[in-house]
Amino acid sequence: MLKSLTLGAILGGLAAFLWSFISYGVLSWHLKQYHSFQNEDDVSALVSSHAPESGIYLLPLGPLQDGMNAEQKKAAMEIRSEKMKKGPLVFAAVNRGGFDSFPKVLLTQLPCQMFAALLLTWMLLQTTGLTYARRVAFLAIAGLAASVIADLPYWNWYSFPATYTGTNLIDYTLTWLLAGLVIAKVAKPQTAAARGGSL
């Protein structure tokens, strides 16, 4: 089992990493989902002056409600609700330090993909009686499930565009379908008899 986990993590992670590089670096379908601000320099200066630290920002959010009594909280929530209905609604990750070096980000992404491949390999090893094609399908569906869990709530709560969300759903499925072709080849679940003998 250890050999299967190791091979699945390394080779599956490499396959997922290579596809992700192609998906984001060569294909244009992710880039097409983004819009640019008018007068980017002005927007950047405005964000810098009004976002004092790196982190996740939500607009409108209103003042912090610690110390408010019940009536004050109710009034603040009503104001916030009206602002949300009126728009705009902004959900943003602000990094005041700027983007790190591209090679460093890639070197961080690779072990992240390998860790994901390790988890999916372990899941696959818990199954029995599946053909190679069904093992691949199992991993592809696991990739789809991961995107459903992560992406659909943002589409629902923060109005992420359907095209952006759909692209992620497809891409996660393709990533782990292609990586699954490798993982399912090198990670073969134990038979029920072998499992029973190891207990």
C-alpha atoms as a PDB file:
ATOM      1  CA  MET A   1       0.000   0.000   0.000  1.00  0.00           C
ATOM      2  CA  LEU A   2       2.862   2.361   0.823  1.00  0.00           C
ATOM      3  CA  LYS A   3       4.326   1.879  -2.659  1.00  0.00           C
ATOM      4  CA  SER A   4       0.960   2.639  -4.263  1.00  0.00           C
ATOM      5  CA  LEU A   5       0.539   5.759  -2.134  1.00  0.00           C
ATOM      6  CA  THR A   6       4.022   6.995  -2.991  1.00  0.00           C
ATOM      7  CA  LEU A   7       3.707   6.358  -6.721  1.00  0.00           C
ATOM      8  CA  GLY A   8       0.180   7.772  -6.821  1.00  0.00           C
ATOM      9  CA  ALA A   9       1.219  10.924  -4.977  1.00  0.00           C
ATOM     10  CA  ILE A  10       4.337  11.588  -7.062  1.00  0.00           C
ATOM     11  CA  LEU A  11       3.198  10.528 -10.535  1.00  0.00           C
ATOM     12  CA  GLY A  12      -0.424  11.626 -10.100  1.00  0.00           C
ATOM     13  CA  GLY A  13       0.711  14.942  -8.658  1.00  0.00           C
ATOM     14  CA  LEU A  14       3.071  15.495 -11.583  1.00  0.00           C
ATOM     15  CA  ALA A  15       0.285  14.719 -14.066  1.00  0.00           C
ATOM     16  CA  ALA A  16      -2.079  17.148 -12.312  1.00  0.00           C
ATOM     17  CA  PHE A  17       0.660  19.790 -12.177  1.00  0.00           C
ATOM     18  CA  LEU A  18       1.440  19.475 -15.896  1.00  0.00           C
ATOM     19  CA  TRP A  19      -2.214  19.742 -16.870  1.00  0.00           C
ATOM     20  CA  SER A  20      -2.708  22.737 -14.569  1.00  0.00           C
ATOM     21  CA  PHE A  21       0.289  24.432 -16.193  1.00  0.00           C
ATOM     22  CA  ILE A  22      -1.264  23.859 -19.609  1.00  0.00           C
ATOM     23  CA  SER A  23      -4.727  24.873 -18.420  1.00  0.00           C
ATOM     24  CA  TYR A  24      -3.616  28.172 -16.888  1.00  0.00           C
ATOM     25  CA  GLY A  25      -0.466  28.946 -18.858  1.00  0.00           C
ATOM     26  CA  VAL A  26      -1.297  27.831 -22.402  1.00  0.00           C
ATOM     27  CA  LEU A  27      -5.075  27.738 -22.749  1.00  0.00           C
ATOM     28  CA  SER A  28      -6.970  30.997 -22.408  1.00  0.00           C
ATOM     29  CA  TRP A  29     -10.228  29.772 -20.903  1.00  0.00           C
ATOM     30  CA  HIS A  30      -9.413  30.863 -17.337  1.00  0.00           C
ATOM     31  CA  LEU A  31      -8.075  34.255 -18.403  1.00  0.00           C
ATOM     32  CA  LYS A  32     -11.266  34.953 -20.346  1.00  0.00           C
ATOM     33  CA  GLN A  33     -13.220  34.880 -17.077  1.00  0.00           C
ATOM     34  CA  TYR A  34     -11.456  37.957 -15.686  1.00  0.00           C
ATOM     35  CA  HIS A  35     -12.332  41.603 -16.293  1.00  0.00           C
ATOM     36  CA  SER A  36      -9.939  44.519 -15.973  1.00  0.00           C
ATOM     37  CA  PHE A  37     -10.748  47.696 -14.064  1.00  0.00           C
ATOM     38  CA  GLN A  38     -10.800  51.009 -15.831  1.00  0.00           C
ATOM     39  CA  ASN A  39      -7.870  53.152 -14.663  1.00  0.00           C
ATOM     40  CA  GLU A  40      -6.072  50.286 -12.902  1.00  0.00           C
ATOM     41  CA  ASP A  41      -3.510  52.583 -11.326  1.00  0.00           C
ATOM     42  CA  ASP A  42      -6.250  54.634  -9.676  1.00  0.00           C
ATOM     43  CA  VAL A  43      -8.017  51.490  -8.416  1.00  0.00           C
ATOM     44  CA  SER A  44      -4.729  50.092  -7.121  1.00  0.00           C
ATOM     45  CA  ALA A  45      -3.990  53.318  -5.249  1.00  0.00           C
ATOM     46  CA  LEU A  46      -7.516  53.327  -3.793  1.00  0.00           C
ATOM     47  CA  VAL A  47      -7.207  49.731  -2.599  1.00  0.00           C
ATOM     48  CA  SER A  48      -3.781  50.406  -1.111  1.00  0.00           C
ATOM     49  CA  SER A  49      -5.082  53.406   0.803  1.00  0.00           C
ATOM     50  CA  HIS A  50      -8.228  51.683   2.095  1.00  0.00           C
ATOM     51  CA  ALA A  51      -7.034  48.100   2.711  1.00  0.00           C
ATOM     52  CA  PRO A  52      -4.520  48.463   5.557  1.00  0.00           C
ATOM     53  CA  GLU A  53      -3.446  44.804   5.590  1.00  0.00           C
ATOM     54  CA  SER A  54      -3.429  41.744   3.366  1.00  0.00           C
ATOM     55  CA  GLY A  55      -6.478  39.514   3.674  1.00  0.00           C
ATOM     56  CA  ILE A  56     -10.004  38.857   2.474  1.00  0.00           C
ATOM     57  CA  TYR A  57     -12.244  41.896   2.055  1.00  0.00           C
ATOM     58  CA  LEU A  58     -16.003  42.028   1.594  1.00  0.00           C
ATOM     59  CA  LEU A  59     -17.888  45.085   0.381  1.00  0.00           C
ATOM     60  CA  PRO A  60     -20.289  46.041   1.865  1.00  0.00           C
ATOM     61  CA  LEU A  61     -19.465  44.758   5.343  1.00  0.00           C
ATOM     62  CA  GLY A  62     -19.859  47.783   7.577  1.00  0.00           C
ATOM     63  CA  PRO A  63     -18.134  48.505  10.879  1.00  0.00           C
ATOM     64  CA  LEU A  64     -17.152  45.768  13.277  1.00  0.00           C
ATOM     65  CA  GLN A  65     -20.061  44.972  15.549  1.00  0.00           C
ATOM     66  CA  ASP A  66     -18.184  44.109  18.752  1.00  0.00           C
ATOM     67  CA  GLY A  67     -19.657  46.084  21.609  1.00  0.00           C
ATOM     68  CA  MET A  68     -22.877  46.977  19.795  1.00  0.00           C
ATOM     69  CA  ASN A  69     -26.159  46.349  21.545  1.00  0.00           C
ATOM     70  CA  ALA A  70     -28.987  44.413  19.888  1.00  0.00           C
ATOM     71  CA  GLU A  71     -30.638  47.505  18.386  1.00  0.00           C
ATOM     72  CA  GLN A  72     -27.354  48.804  16.978  1.00  0.00           C
ATOM     73  CA  LYS A  73     -26.586  45.423  15.433  1.00  0.00           C
ATOM     74  CA  LYS A  74     -30.050  45.246  13.881  1.00  0.00           C
ATOM     75  CA  ALA A  75     -29.689  48.728  12.411  1.00  0.00           C
ATOM     76  CA  ALA A  76     -26.209  47.933  11.050  1.00  0.00           C
ATOM     77  CA  MET A  77     -27.477  44.719   9.450  1.00  0.00           C
ATOM     78  CA  GLU A  78     -30.373  46.564   7.807  1.00  0.00           C
ATOM     79  CA  ILE A  79     -28.003  49.154   6.348  1.00  0.00           C
ATOM     80  CA  ARG A  80     -25.686  46.414   5.141  1.00  0.00           C
ATOM     81  CA  SER A  81     -28.589  44.496   3.595  1.00  0.00           C
ATOM     82  CA  GLU A  82     -29.728  47.556   1.667  1.00  0.00           C
ATOM     83  CA  LYS A  83     -26.212  48.229   0.405  1.00  0.00           C
ATOM     84  CA  MET A  84     -25.880  44.599  -0.707  1.00  0.00           C
ATOM     85  CA  LYS A  85     -29.143  44.823  -2.647  1.00  0.00           C
ATOM     86  CA  LYS A  86     -28.027  48.058  -4.285  1.00  0.00           C
ATOM     87  CA  GLY A  87     -24.500  46.852  -5.115  1.00  0.00           C
ATOM     88  CA  PRO A  88     -21.756  46.647  -5.992  1.00  0.00           C
ATOM     89  CA  LEU A  89     -20.818  43.491  -4.065  1.00  0.00           C
ATOM     90  CA  VAL A  90     -17.072  42.881  -3.902  1.00  0.00           C
ATOM     91  CA  PHE A  91     -15.330  39.777  -2.565  1.00  0.00           C
ATOM     92  CA  ALA A  92     -11.586  40.277  -2.887  1.00  0.00           C
ATOM     93  CA  ALA A  93      -8.276  38.787  -1.781  1.00  0.00           C
ATOM     94  CA  VAL A  94      -5.844  41.656  -1.236  1.00  0.00           C
ATOM     95  CA  ASN A  95      -2.112  40.968  -1.160  1.00  0.00           C
ATOM     96  CA  ARG A  96      -0.291  44.167  -0.315  1.00  0.00           C
ATOM     97  CA  GLY A  97       3.077  42.496  -0.835  1.00  0.00           C
ATOM     98  CA  GLY A  98       2.427  41.766  -4.501  1.00  0.00           C
ATOM     99  CA  PHE A  99       2.876  38.526  -6.423  1.00  0.00           C
ATOM    100  CA  ASP A 100       5.823  36.354  -5.411  1.00  0.00           C
ATOM    101  CA  SER A 101       8.293  35.036  -7.964  1.00  0.00           C
ATOM    102  CA  PHE A 102       6.747  32.743 -10.584  1.00  0.00           C
ATOM    103  CA  PRO A 103       9.261  29.895 -10.031  1.00  0.00           C
ATOM    104  CA  LYS A 104       8.599  29.958  -6.276  1.00  0.00           C
ATOM    105  CA  VAL A 105       4.832  29.759  -6.810  1.00  0.00           C
ATOM    106  CA  LEU A 106       5.295  26.823  -9.190  1.00  0.00           C
ATOM    107  CA  LEU A 107       7.530  25.040  -6.688  1.00  0.00           C
ATOM    108  CA  THR A 108       4.833  25.484  -4.058  1.00  0.00           C
ATOM    109  CA  GLN A 109       2.077  24.327  -6.398  1.00  0.00           C
ATOM    110  CA  LEU A 110       3.779  21.016  -7.175  1.00  0.00           C
ATOM    111  CA  PRO A 111       3.748  19.634  -3.602  1.00  0.00           C
ATOM    112  CA  CYS A 112       0.170  20.906  -3.246  1.00  0.00           C
ATOM    113  CA  GLN A 113      -0.819  18.793  -6.261  1.00  0.00           C
ATOM    114  CA  MET A 114       1.122  15.830  -4.903  1.00  0.00           C
ATOM    115  CA  PHE A 115      -0.653  16.111  -1.562  1.00  0.00           C
ATOM    116  CA  ALA A 116      -4.014  16.151  -3.339  1.00  0.00           C
ATOM    117  CA  ALA A 117      -2.916  13.126  -5.382  1.00  0.00           C
ATOM    118  CA  LEU A 118      -1.882  11.360  -2.167  1.00  0.00           C
ATOM    119  CA  LEU A 119      -5.342  11.867  -0.658  1.00  0.00           C
ATOM    120  CA  LEU A 120      -7.105  10.700  -3.802  1.00  0.00           C
ATOM    121  CA  THR A 121      -4.791   7.698  -4.084  1.00  0.00           C
ATOM    122  CA  TRP A 122      -5.670   6.745  -0.516  1.00  0.00           C
ATOM    123  CA  MET A 123      -9.373   7.061  -1.343  1.00  0.00           C
ATOM    124  CA  LEU A 124      -8.935   4.869  -4.407  1.00  0.00           C
ATOM    125  CA  LEU A 125      -7.136   2.235  -2.350  1.00  0.00           C
ATOM    126  CA  GLN A 126     -10.219   1.903  -0.148  1.00  0.00           C
ATOM    127  CA  THR A 127     -12.256   0.602  -3.097  1.00  0.00           C
ATOM    128  CA  THR A 128     -12.516  -2.975  -4.319  1.00  0.00           C
ATOM    129  CA  GLY A 129     -13.607  -4.676  -7.498  1.00  0.00           C
ATOM    130  CA  LEU A 130     -13.355  -1.683  -9.825  1.00  0.00           C
ATOM    131  CA  THR A 131     -12.016  -1.962 -13.345  1.00  0.00           C
ATOM    132  CA  TYR A 132      -9.300   0.428 -14.513  1.00  0.00           C
ATOM    133  CA  ALA A 133     -11.878   2.594 -16.287  1.00  0.00           C
ATOM    134  CA  ARG A 134     -14.039   2.775 -13.173  1.00  0.00           C
ATOM    135  CA  ARG A 135     -11.038   3.679 -11.023  1.00  0.00           C
ATOM    136  CA  VAL A 136     -10.262   6.547 -13.392  1.00  0.00           C
ATOM    137  CA  ALA A 137     -13.917   7.634 -13.331  1.00  0.00           C
ATOM    138  CA  PHE A 138     -13.875   7.462  -9.516  1.00  0.00           C
ATOM    139  CA  LEU A 139     -10.995   9.959  -9.396  1.00  0.00           C
ATOM    140  CA  ALA A 140     -12.517  12.245 -12.020  1.00  0.00           C
ATOM    141  CA  ILE A 141     -15.758  12.388 -10.033  1.00  0.00           C
ATOM    142  CA  ALA A 142     -13.746  13.062  -6.868  1.00  0.00           C
ATOM    143  CA  GLY A 143     -12.194  16.058  -8.659  1.00  0.00           C
ATOM    144  CA  LEU A 144     -15.640  17.252  -9.696  1.00  0.00           C
ATOM    145  CA  ALA A 145     -16.891  16.827  -6.119  1.00  0.00           C
ATOM    146  CA  ALA A 146     -13.987  18.924  -4.815  1.00  0.00           C
ATOM    147  CA  SER A 147     -14.937  21.748  -7.170  1.00  0.00           C
ATOM    148  CA  VAL A 148     -18.631  21.464  -6.281  1.00  0.00           C
ATOM    149  CA  ILE A 149     -17.734  21.742  -2.594  1.00  0.00           C
ATOM    150  CA  ALA A 150     -15.340  24.675  -3.107  1.00  0.00           C
ATOM    151  CA  ASP A 151     -16.803  26.640  -6.022  1.00  0.00           C
ATOM    152  CA  LEU A 152     -20.592  26.415  -5.863  1.00  0.00           C
ATOM    153  CA  PRO A 153     -20.874  28.207  -2.487  1.00  0.00           C
ATOM    154  CA  TYR A 154     -18.996  31.201  -3.943  1.00  0.00           C
ATOM    155  CA  TRP A 155     -21.304  31.181  -6.981  1.00  0.00           C
ATOM    156  CA  ASN A 156     -24.305  31.071  -4.643  1.00  0.00           C
ATOM    157  CA  TRP A 157     -23.291  33.549  -1.944  1.00  0.00           C
ATOM    158  CA  TYR A 158     -20.974  35.980  -3.725  1.00  0.00           C
ATOM    159  CA  SER A 159     -22.355  35.853  -7.290  1.00  0.00           C
ATOM    160  CA  PHE A 160     -19.259  34.384  -8.897  1.00  0.00           C
ATOM    161  CA  PRO A 161     -20.124  34.211 -12.631  1.00  0.00           C
ATOM    162  CA  ALA A 162     -21.592  30.945 -13.896  1.00  0.00           C
ATOM    163  CA  THR A 163     -18.957  30.797 -16.650  1.00  0.00           C
ATOM    164  CA  TYR A 164     -16.146  31.163 -14.091  1.00  0.00           C
ATOM    165  CA  THR A 165     -17.677  28.491 -11.877  1.00  0.00           C
ATOM    166  CA  GLY A 166     -18.391  26.191 -14.813  1.00  0.00           C
ATOM    167  CA  THR A 167     -14.816  26.523 -16.051  1.00  0.00           C
ATOM    168  CA  ASN A 168     -13.523  25.486 -12.636  1.00  0.00           C
ATOM    169  CA  LEU A 169     -15.911  22.535 -12.485  1.00  0.00           C
ATOM    170  CA  ILE A 170     -14.721  21.295 -15.863  1.00  0.00           C
ATOM    171  CA  ASP A 171     -11.053  21.967 -15.143  1.00  0.00           C
ATOM    172  CA  TYR A 172     -11.006  20.139 -11.794  1.00  0.00           C
ATOM    173  CA  THR A 173     -12.737  17.182 -13.413  1.00  0.00           C
ATOM    174  CA  LEU A 174     -10.228  17.124 -16.291  1.00  0.00           C
ATOM    175  CA  THR A 175      -7.288  17.535 -13.913  1.00  0.00           C
ATOM    176  CA  TRP A 176      -8.160  14.463 -11.897  1.00  0.00           C
ATOM    177  CA  LEU A 177      -9.374  12.512 -14.900  1.00  0.00           C
ATOM    178  CA  LEU A 178      -5.939  12.889 -16.496  1.00  0.00           C
ATOM    179  CA  ALA A 179      -4.089  12.360 -13.224  1.00  0.00           C
ATOM    180  CA  GLY A 180      -6.469   9.463 -12.564  1.00  0.00           C
ATOM    181  CA  LEU A 181      -5.200   7.719 -15.693  1.00  0.00           C
ATOM    182  CA  VAL A 182      -1.826   7.583 -13.969  1.00  0.00           C
ATOM    183  CA  ILE A 183      -2.954   6.970 -10.397  1.00  0.00           C
ATOM    184  CA  ALA A 184      -5.310   4.145 -11.349  1.00  0.00           C
ATOM    185  CA  LYS A 185      -2.434   2.472 -13.186  1.00  0.00           C
ATOM    186  CA  VAL A 186       0.079   2.539 -10.333  1.00  0.00           C
ATOM    187  CA  ALA A 187      -2.247   2.311  -7.314  1.00  0.00           C
ATOM    188  CA  LYS A 188      -4.146  -0.949  -7.326  1.00  0.00           C
ATOM    189  CA  PRO A 189      -6.457  -1.601  -4.373  1.00  0.00           C
ATOM    190  CA  GLN A 190      -5.889  -4.731  -2.334  1.00  0.00           C
ATOM    191  CA  THR A 191      -8.287  -7.615  -2.725  1.00  0.00           C
ATOM    192  CA  ALA A 192     -10.706  -8.306   0.115  1.00  0.00           C
ATOM    193  CA  ALA A 193      -8.790 -11.498   0.936  1.00  0.00           C
ATOM    194  CA  ALA A 194      -5.490  -9.634   1.150  1.00  0.00           C
ATOM    195  CA  ARG A 195      -7.056  -7.028   3.426  1.00  0.00           C
ATOM    196  CA  GLY A 196      -8.449  -9.686   5.682  1.00  0.00           C
ATOM    197  CA  GLY A 197      -5.069 -11.334   5.942  1.00  0.00           C
ATOM    198  CA  SER A 198      -3.413  -8.085   6.958  1.00  0.00           C
ATOM    199  CA  LEU A 199      -5.754  -7.406   9.858  1.00  0.00           C
END
